[in-house]
N, C-alpha and C. Protein backbone atom coordinates (compact mmCIF):
# COMPACT_ATOMS: atom_id res chain seq x y z
N UNK A 1 28.46 -38.29 14.65
CA UNK A 1 27.29 -38.71 14.24
C UNK A 1 26.56 -39.72 15.41
N UNK A 2 25.41 -40.17 15.51
CA UNK A 2 24.68 -41.17 16.23
C UNK A 2 24.77 -42.47 15.63
N UNK A 3 24.82 -43.44 16.53
CA UNK A 3 24.83 -44.96 16.04
C UNK A 3 23.68 -45.48 16.01
N UNK A 4 23.13 -46.14 15.00
CA UNK A 4 22.00 -47.27 15.01
C UNK A 4 22.26 -48.13 16.32
N UNK A 5 21.23 -48.30 17.04
CA UNK A 5 21.36 -49.15 18.16
C UNK A 5 21.55 -50.75 17.60
N UNK A 6 22.17 -51.40 18.64
CA UNK A 6 22.51 -52.95 18.63
C UNK A 6 21.56 -53.28 19.63
N UNK A 7 21.31 -54.94 19.44
CA UNK A 7 20.56 -55.57 20.56
C UNK A 7 21.08 -55.27 21.85
N UNK A 8 20.13 -55.08 22.79
CA UNK A 8 20.91 -54.74 24.16
C UNK A 8 21.02 -53.42 24.40
N UNK A 9 21.04 -52.63 23.37
CA UNK A 9 21.22 -51.24 23.58
C UNK A 9 20.14 -50.40 24.10
N UNK A 10 20.13 -49.20 24.72
CA UNK A 10 19.30 -48.50 25.23
C UNK A 10 18.80 -47.63 24.38
N UNK A 11 19.35 -47.56 23.17
CA UNK A 11 18.70 -46.46 22.08
C UNK A 11 17.95 -47.43 20.93
N UNK A 12 17.00 -46.91 20.43
CA UNK A 12 16.14 -47.74 19.74
C UNK A 12 16.32 -47.13 18.20
N UNK A 13 16.29 -47.91 17.33
CA UNK A 13 16.26 -47.81 15.89
C UNK A 13 15.02 -47.22 15.52
N UNK A 14 15.12 -45.90 14.48
CA UNK A 14 13.82 -45.52 14.14
C UNK A 14 14.02 -44.91 12.63
N UNK A 15 12.90 -44.93 11.75
CA UNK A 15 12.85 -44.47 10.54
C UNK A 15 11.64 -43.72 10.11
N UNK A 16 11.84 -42.78 9.19
CA UNK A 16 11.01 -41.79 8.61
C UNK A 16 10.95 -42.16 7.41
N UNK A 17 10.04 -42.08 6.64
CA UNK A 17 9.95 -42.05 5.09
C UNK A 17 9.50 -40.73 4.58
N UNK A 18 10.31 -40.02 3.78
CA UNK A 18 9.98 -38.63 3.26
C UNK A 18 9.10 -38.51 2.31
N UNK A 19 8.09 -37.82 2.45
CA UNK A 19 7.04 -37.64 1.53
C UNK A 19 7.39 -36.34 0.59
N UNK A 20 7.38 -35.29 1.33
CA UNK A 20 7.54 -33.81 0.71
C UNK A 20 8.51 -33.11 1.63
N UNK A 21 9.30 -32.39 0.99
CA UNK A 21 10.14 -31.31 1.68
C UNK A 21 9.46 -30.08 1.30
N UNK A 22 9.01 -29.38 2.39
CA UNK A 22 8.27 -28.30 2.43
C UNK A 22 9.03 -26.93 2.35
N UNK A 23 9.86 -26.82 3.16
CA UNK A 23 10.87 -25.61 3.17
C UNK A 23 12.27 -26.12 3.78
N UNK A 24 13.13 -25.88 3.10
CA UNK A 24 14.47 -26.17 3.71
C UNK A 24 15.64 -24.83 3.40
N UNK A 25 16.48 -24.93 4.24
CA UNK A 25 17.40 -23.87 4.40
C UNK A 25 18.77 -24.74 4.45
N UNK A 26 19.96 -24.01 4.57
CA UNK A 26 20.96 -24.68 4.74
C UNK A 26 21.23 -25.71 5.84
N UNK A 27 20.44 -25.53 7.14
CA UNK A 27 20.68 -26.28 8.39
C UNK A 27 19.30 -26.71 8.72
N UNK A 28 18.20 -26.61 8.24
CA UNK A 28 16.89 -26.77 8.51
C UNK A 28 15.97 -27.27 7.53
N UNK A 29 14.97 -28.23 7.86
CA UNK A 29 14.02 -28.46 6.77
C UNK A 29 12.70 -28.82 7.50
N UNK A 30 11.63 -28.34 6.99
CA UNK A 30 10.37 -28.86 7.41
C UNK A 30 9.96 -29.91 6.46
N UNK A 31 9.63 -31.13 7.03
CA UNK A 31 9.20 -32.12 6.05
C UNK A 31 8.02 -33.05 6.33
N UNK A 32 7.28 -33.40 5.32
CA UNK A 32 6.07 -34.15 5.60
C UNK A 32 6.80 -35.66 5.63
N UNK A 33 6.27 -36.41 6.75
CA UNK A 33 6.85 -37.97 6.76
C UNK A 33 5.74 -38.86 7.28
N UNK A 34 6.01 -40.15 6.90
CA UNK A 34 5.53 -41.18 7.54
C UNK A 34 6.40 -41.92 8.44
N UNK A 35 6.10 -42.32 9.58
CA UNK A 35 6.74 -43.08 10.68
C UNK A 35 6.53 -44.63 10.18
N UNK A 36 7.95 -44.98 9.65
CA UNK A 36 8.09 -46.43 9.55
C UNK A 36 8.32 -47.37 10.60
N UNK A 37 9.32 -46.85 11.48
CA UNK A 37 9.55 -47.49 12.60
C UNK A 37 9.72 -46.82 13.66
N UNK A 38 9.16 -46.74 14.90
CA UNK A 38 8.96 -45.78 15.85
C UNK A 38 8.68 -46.55 17.24
N UNK A 39 8.40 -45.86 18.33
CA UNK A 39 8.03 -44.33 18.05
C UNK A 39 9.41 -43.67 17.76
N UNK A 40 9.28 -42.46 17.29
CA UNK A 40 10.51 -41.61 17.08
C UNK A 40 10.10 -40.36 17.99
N UNK A 41 11.18 -40.19 18.80
CA UNK A 41 10.83 -39.13 19.93
C UNK A 41 11.70 -37.81 19.45
N UNK A 42 11.29 -36.78 19.92
CA UNK A 42 11.96 -35.33 19.76
C UNK A 42 13.39 -35.70 20.20
N UNK A 43 14.23 -35.13 19.53
CA UNK A 43 15.59 -35.17 19.74
C UNK A 43 16.22 -36.45 19.29
N UNK A 44 15.47 -37.12 18.22
CA UNK A 44 15.98 -38.48 17.57
C UNK A 44 17.01 -37.93 16.57
N UNK A 45 18.22 -38.56 16.39
CA UNK A 45 19.17 -38.29 15.52
C UNK A 45 19.27 -39.21 14.23
N UNK A 46 19.24 -38.70 13.10
CA UNK A 46 19.38 -39.48 11.79
C UNK A 46 20.63 -39.29 11.16
N UNK A 47 21.24 -40.56 10.80
CA UNK A 47 22.57 -40.51 10.25
C UNK A 47 22.83 -41.38 8.82
N UNK A 48 21.68 -41.94 8.55
CA UNK A 48 21.47 -42.74 7.29
C UNK A 48 20.43 -42.27 6.40
N UNK A 49 20.70 -42.05 5.04
CA UNK A 49 19.69 -41.73 4.04
C UNK A 49 19.69 -42.67 2.84
N UNK A 50 18.53 -43.26 2.68
CA UNK A 50 18.42 -44.48 1.75
C UNK A 50 18.81 -44.14 0.34
N UNK A 51 19.62 -44.98 -0.27
CA UNK A 51 19.87 -44.41 -1.82
C UNK A 51 21.02 -43.31 -1.87
N UNK A 52 21.64 -43.05 -0.93
CA UNK A 52 22.54 -42.08 -0.87
C UNK A 52 23.88 -42.31 0.08
N UNK A 53 25.01 -42.11 -0.50
CA UNK A 53 26.03 -42.15 0.35
C UNK A 53 26.46 -41.06 0.91
N UNK A 54 25.74 -39.84 0.85
CA UNK A 54 25.89 -38.52 1.46
C UNK A 54 25.73 -38.88 2.90
N UNK A 55 26.69 -38.22 3.79
CA UNK A 55 26.72 -38.09 5.24
C UNK A 55 25.42 -37.02 5.41
N UNK A 56 24.73 -37.48 6.53
CA UNK A 56 23.75 -36.61 7.29
C UNK A 56 23.89 -36.64 8.73
N UNK A 57 23.48 -35.83 9.36
CA UNK A 57 23.49 -35.55 10.87
C UNK A 57 22.47 -34.86 11.16
N UNK A 58 21.18 -35.15 11.18
CA UNK A 58 19.69 -34.45 11.58
C UNK A 58 19.41 -34.80 12.89
N UNK A 59 18.82 -33.92 13.60
CA UNK A 59 17.95 -34.04 14.83
C UNK A 59 16.63 -33.48 14.43
N UNK A 60 15.72 -34.26 14.98
CA UNK A 60 14.33 -33.93 14.91
C UNK A 60 13.99 -33.12 16.12
N UNK A 61 13.63 -31.81 15.79
CA UNK A 61 13.48 -30.72 16.79
C UNK A 61 11.98 -30.43 17.01
N UNK A 62 11.14 -30.88 16.24
CA UNK A 62 9.54 -30.71 16.19
C UNK A 62 8.74 -31.84 15.52
N UNK A 63 7.84 -32.17 16.00
CA UNK A 63 6.80 -33.01 15.23
C UNK A 63 5.32 -32.36 15.48
N UNK A 64 4.58 -32.41 14.32
CA UNK A 64 3.27 -31.76 14.50
C UNK A 64 2.28 -32.86 13.57
N UNK A 65 1.38 -33.15 14.26
CA UNK A 65 0.35 -34.19 13.88
C UNK A 65 -0.97 -33.52 14.05
N UNK A 66 -1.83 -33.46 12.73
CA UNK A 66 -3.11 -32.70 12.95
C UNK A 66 -3.04 -31.55 13.62
N UNK A 67 -2.18 -30.51 13.33
CA UNK A 67 -2.03 -29.50 13.95
C UNK A 67 -1.40 -29.03 15.23
N UNK A 68 -1.13 -30.34 16.07
CA UNK A 68 -0.88 -30.23 17.39
C UNK A 68 0.61 -30.86 17.44
N UNK A 69 1.34 -30.03 18.35
CA UNK A 69 2.86 -30.56 18.40
C UNK A 69 2.74 -31.71 19.45
N UNK A 70 3.59 -32.73 19.20
CA UNK A 70 3.72 -34.12 19.74
C UNK A 70 5.17 -34.18 20.26
N UNK A 71 5.40 -35.05 21.38
CA UNK A 71 6.65 -35.54 21.74
C UNK A 71 7.13 -36.72 20.98
N UNK A 72 6.30 -37.43 20.29
CA UNK A 72 6.75 -38.81 19.81
C UNK A 72 5.82 -38.99 18.85
N UNK A 73 6.33 -39.84 17.63
CA UNK A 73 5.64 -40.19 16.52
C UNK A 73 5.48 -41.77 16.66
N UNK A 74 4.35 -42.42 16.65
CA UNK A 74 4.18 -43.80 16.61
C UNK A 74 4.21 -44.18 15.17
N UNK A 75 4.65 -45.48 15.03
CA UNK A 75 4.61 -46.37 13.73
C UNK A 75 3.41 -46.22 12.84
N UNK A 76 3.31 -45.66 11.62
CA UNK A 76 2.17 -45.57 10.91
C UNK A 76 1.65 -43.97 10.73
N UNK A 77 2.06 -43.26 11.58
CA UNK A 77 1.66 -41.79 11.80
C UNK A 77 2.33 -40.84 10.51
N UNK A 78 1.48 -40.20 10.10
CA UNK A 78 2.30 -39.01 9.07
C UNK A 78 2.38 -37.77 9.91
N UNK A 79 3.26 -36.84 9.77
CA UNK A 79 3.23 -35.77 10.46
C UNK A 79 4.26 -34.69 9.64
N UNK A 80 4.28 -33.54 10.20
CA UNK A 80 5.02 -32.36 9.49
C UNK A 80 6.36 -32.50 10.64
N UNK A 81 7.49 -32.58 10.37
CA UNK A 81 8.77 -32.51 11.16
C UNK A 81 9.53 -31.51 10.85
N UNK A 82 10.37 -31.11 11.73
CA UNK A 82 11.41 -30.16 11.62
C UNK A 82 12.77 -30.96 11.78
N UNK A 83 13.61 -31.03 10.92
CA UNK A 83 14.90 -31.51 11.08
C UNK A 83 16.05 -30.47 11.08
N UNK A 84 16.98 -30.34 11.81
CA UNK A 84 17.86 -29.44 11.74
C UNK A 84 19.34 -30.06 11.93
N UNK A 85 20.27 -29.69 11.20
CA UNK A 85 21.75 -30.19 11.03
C UNK A 85 22.28 -30.29 9.66
N UNK A 86 23.38 -31.33 9.60
CA UNK A 86 24.11 -31.21 8.29
C UNK A 86 23.39 -32.29 7.58
N UNK A 87 23.20 -31.91 6.15
CA UNK A 87 22.52 -32.80 5.25
C UNK A 87 21.21 -32.56 4.81
N UNK A 88 20.69 -31.48 5.30
CA UNK A 88 19.22 -31.18 5.06
C UNK A 88 19.17 -30.99 3.35
N UNK A 89 20.15 -30.58 2.63
CA UNK A 89 20.20 -30.30 1.40
C UNK A 89 20.09 -31.62 0.38
N UNK A 90 20.18 -32.72 1.12
CA UNK A 90 19.95 -33.90 0.44
C UNK A 90 18.61 -34.61 0.56
N UNK A 91 17.79 -34.12 1.38
CA UNK A 91 16.50 -34.36 1.49
C UNK A 91 15.63 -34.00 0.17
N UNK A 92 14.86 -35.12 -0.41
CA UNK A 92 14.18 -34.87 -1.54
C UNK A 92 12.67 -35.29 -1.49
N UNK A 93 11.86 -34.64 -2.15
CA UNK A 93 10.58 -35.20 -2.07
C UNK A 93 10.26 -36.25 -3.06
N UNK A 94 9.43 -37.11 -2.60
CA UNK A 94 9.35 -38.49 -3.34
C UNK A 94 8.57 -38.22 -4.62
N UNK A 95 8.72 -38.71 -5.83
CA UNK A 95 7.81 -38.75 -6.99
C UNK A 95 7.45 -40.17 -7.33
N UNK A 96 6.60 -40.13 -8.34
CA UNK A 96 6.22 -41.45 -9.08
C UNK A 96 7.23 -42.15 -9.61
N UNK A 97 8.26 -41.35 -10.13
CA UNK A 97 9.39 -42.03 -10.82
C UNK A 97 10.47 -42.46 -9.89
N UNK A 98 10.82 -42.00 -8.88
CA UNK A 98 11.66 -42.11 -7.76
C UNK A 98 11.00 -42.58 -6.65
N UNK A 99 11.70 -43.58 -5.63
CA UNK A 99 11.10 -43.96 -4.65
C UNK A 99 11.50 -42.98 -3.58
N UNK A 100 10.50 -42.99 -2.40
CA UNK A 100 10.54 -41.92 -1.34
C UNK A 100 12.01 -42.49 -0.57
N UNK A 101 12.68 -41.27 -0.07
CA UNK A 101 13.74 -41.46 0.74
C UNK A 101 13.29 -41.91 2.11
N UNK A 102 14.17 -42.73 2.61
CA UNK A 102 14.03 -43.21 4.19
C UNK A 102 15.01 -42.56 4.92
N UNK A 103 15.04 -41.79 6.10
CA UNK A 103 15.96 -41.54 6.79
C UNK A 103 16.06 -42.48 8.26
N UNK A 104 17.17 -43.02 8.71
CA UNK A 104 17.32 -43.87 9.64
C UNK A 104 18.21 -43.42 10.72
N UNK A 105 17.80 -43.46 12.07
CA UNK A 105 18.65 -43.41 13.05
C UNK A 105 18.23 -43.72 14.66
N UNK A 106 18.40 -43.25 15.37
CA UNK A 106 18.24 -43.41 16.74
C UNK A 106 17.49 -42.58 17.54
N UNK A 107 16.81 -42.74 18.60
CA UNK A 107 16.07 -41.93 19.72
C UNK A 107 17.40 -41.60 20.77
N UNK A 108 17.07 -40.38 21.32
CA UNK A 108 18.08 -39.96 22.21
C UNK A 108 17.87 -41.07 23.50
N UNK A 109 18.83 -40.95 24.52
CA UNK A 109 18.94 -41.78 25.39
C UNK A 109 17.88 -41.28 26.40
N UNK A 110 17.24 -42.12 27.17
CA UNK A 110 16.15 -41.61 28.02
C UNK A 110 16.67 -40.55 29.14
């Protein structure tokens, strides 16, 4: 799994808030998200899931904003993203009764 960056590291810490899980299979999910800490670049790896002790190792393979594929998501943007890897089955749609999940990780090295 990837590590969250430390000060002085070349990797930047990123966060996505999960609004809705649209499609999920065993190794891939399409998810509607809001970028809480970015920019989040294609290839970002996520290894923490808020409110869960479950291990995840997800890679962002695609991001679509207003129907256009983009290479990065800036803070505040909403998008449809494709996540691939271990732990997609732990991603859940946020509800009024439960808080939305947040995935945390790091961008790929430049």
